[in-house]
Amino acid sequence: MPTNRAPHKFSVGQDVVFLPTAFDHNTPRGGYVITRILPGDDFDRSYRARSAADGLERVFREPQLRADSPWRLP
């Protein structure tokens, strides 16, 4: 049965920025690179992403990320 799910917003290899909330205080803020798109429904699209700072991979939900702007100052 076909579904009408929206596609994932980010793609593998894309640079993103993690936007922490009050509950994410243990996860480093900053730049990440998407390494894998994980399955999920429209309300739970998830990704694995590698930190540019410490090299560790973490799992994020789509609302926690935004596309990294090439004109953003370091």
C-alpha atoms as a PDB file:
ATOM      1  CA  MET A   1       0.000   0.000   0.000  1.00  0.00           C
ATOM      2  CA  PRO A   2       1.625   3.333  -1.034  1.00  0.00           C
ATOM      3  CA  THR A   3       2.136   6.091   1.497  1.00  0.00           C
ATOM      4  CA  ASN A   4       2.154   9.842   1.101  1.00  0.00           C
ATOM      5  CA  ARG A   5       5.187  10.402   3.304  1.00  0.00           C
ATOM      6  CA  ALA A   6       7.227  13.526   2.703  1.00  0.00           C
ATOM      7  CA  PRO A   7      10.857  12.963   1.746  1.00  0.00           C
ATOM      8  CA  HIS A   8      13.650  13.543   4.216  1.00  0.00           C
ATOM      9  CA  LYS A   9      14.806  17.159   4.286  1.00  0.00           C
ATOM     10  CA  PHE A  10      18.562  16.383   4.373  1.00  0.00           C
ATOM     11  CA  SER A  11      20.742  14.041   2.319  1.00  0.00           C
ATOM     12  CA  VAL A  12      23.842  11.942   3.016  1.00  0.00           C
ATOM     13  CA  GLY A  13      26.975  14.097   2.954  1.00  0.00           C
ATOM     14  CA  GLN A  14      25.109  17.319   3.699  1.00  0.00           C
ATOM     15  CA  ASP A  15      26.488  19.704   6.336  1.00  0.00           C
ATOM     16  CA  VAL A  16      24.000  20.550   9.074  1.00  0.00           C
ATOM     17  CA  VAL A  17      23.960  22.391  12.384  1.00  0.00           C
ATOM     18  CA  PHE A  18      22.544  20.824  15.549  1.00  0.00           C
ATOM     19  CA  LEU A  19      20.065  23.052  17.419  1.00  0.00           C
ATOM     20  CA  PRO A  20      19.991  21.805  21.020  1.00  0.00           C
ATOM     21  CA  THR A  21      17.045  22.160  23.355  1.00  0.00           C
ATOM     22  CA  ALA A  22      17.038  22.186  27.156  1.00  0.00           C
ATOM     23  CA  PHE A  23      16.972  18.362  27.047  1.00  0.00           C
ATOM     24  CA  ASP A  24      20.054  18.089  24.789  1.00  0.00           C
ATOM     25  CA  HIS A  25      22.663  19.573  27.127  1.00  0.00           C
ATOM     26  CA  ASN A  26      25.016  16.561  26.775  1.00  0.00           C
ATOM     27  CA  THR A  27      25.204  16.709  22.977  1.00  0.00           C
ATOM     28  CA  PRO A  28      27.739  19.149  21.522  1.00  0.00           C
ATOM     29  CA  ARG A  29      26.283  22.058  19.582  1.00  0.00           C
ATOM     30  CA  GLY A  30      27.746  22.802  16.181  1.00  0.00           C
ATOM     31  CA  GLY A  31      28.431  21.311  12.783  1.00  0.00           C
ATOM     32  CA  TYR A  32      27.649  17.747  11.732  1.00  0.00           C
ATOM     33  CA  VAL A  33      27.674  15.809   8.465  1.00  0.00           C
ATOM     34  CA  ILE A  34      24.759  13.492   7.633  1.00  0.00           C
ATOM     35  CA  THR A  35      26.095   9.922   7.323  1.00  0.00           C
ATOM     36  CA  ARG A  36      22.854   7.948   7.066  1.00  0.00           C
ATOM     37  CA  ILE A  37      19.153   8.525   6.555  1.00  0.00           C
ATOM     38  CA  LEU A  38      17.118   6.417   8.974  1.00  0.00           C
ATOM     39  CA  PRO A  39      13.625   5.106   8.296  1.00  0.00           C
ATOM     40  CA  GLY A  40      10.717   6.721  10.051  1.00  0.00           C
ATOM     41  CA  ASP A  41       7.295   8.220   9.518  1.00  0.00           C
ATOM     42  CA  ASP A  42       6.353  11.845   8.781  1.00  0.00           C
ATOM     43  CA  PHE A  43       6.586  12.711  12.457  1.00  0.00           C
ATOM     44  CA  ASP A  44       9.894  10.979  13.183  1.00  0.00           C
ATOM     45  CA  ARG A  45      12.365  11.398  10.321  1.00  0.00           C
ATOM     46  CA  SER A  46      15.813  10.698  11.744  1.00  0.00           C
ATOM     47  CA  TYR A  47      19.454  10.824  10.693  1.00  0.00           C
ATOM     48  CA  ARG A  48      22.883   9.640  11.800  1.00  0.00           C
ATOM     49  CA  ALA A  49      25.378  12.485  11.703  1.00  0.00           C
ATOM     50  CA  ARG A  50      29.085  12.790  12.512  1.00  0.00           C
ATOM     51  CA  SER A  51      30.307  15.701  14.606  1.00  0.00           C
ATOM     52  CA  ALA A  52      32.911  17.963  13.034  1.00  0.00           C
ATOM     53  CA  ALA A  53      34.317  18.618  16.529  1.00  0.00           C
ATOM     54  CA  ASP A  54      34.786  15.147  18.049  1.00  0.00           C
ATOM     55  CA  GLY A  55      34.155  12.758  15.126  1.00  0.00           C
ATOM     56  CA  LEU A  56      31.444  10.809  16.967  1.00  0.00           C
ATOM     57  CA  GLU A  57      28.210   9.802  15.252  1.00  0.00           C
ATOM     58  CA  ARG A  58      24.873  10.544  16.867  1.00  0.00           C
ATOM     59  CA  VAL A  59      21.209  10.129  15.949  1.00  0.00           C
ATOM     60  CA  PHE A  60      19.091  13.253  15.470  1.00  0.00           C
ATOM     61  CA  ARG A  61      15.461  13.946  14.657  1.00  0.00           C
ATOM     62  CA  GLU A  62      14.863  16.278  11.734  1.00  0.00           C
ATOM     63  CA  PRO A  63      13.567  19.243  13.831  1.00  0.00           C
ATOM     64  CA  GLN A  64      16.871  19.257  15.757  1.00  0.00           C
ATOM     65  CA  LEU A  65      18.861  20.105  12.613  1.00  0.00           C
ATOM     66  CA  ARG A  66      19.106  22.930  10.122  1.00  0.00           C
ATOM     67  CA  ALA A  67      21.043  23.185   6.889  1.00  0.00           C
ATOM     68  CA  ASP A  68      24.478  24.714   7.356  1.00  0.00           C
ATOM     69  CA  SER A  69      24.751  28.017   5.484  1.00  0.00           C
ATOM     70  CA  PRO A  70      27.937  28.532   3.461  1.00  0.00           C
ATOM     71  CA  TRP A  71      27.900  32.229   4.394  1.00  0.00           C
ATOM     72  CA  ARG A  72      27.620  31.598   8.156  1.00  0.00           C
ATOM     73  CA  LEU A  73      30.555  33.014  10.111  1.00  0.00           C
ATOM     74  CA  PRO A  74      32.669  30.469  12.070  1.00  0.00           C
END
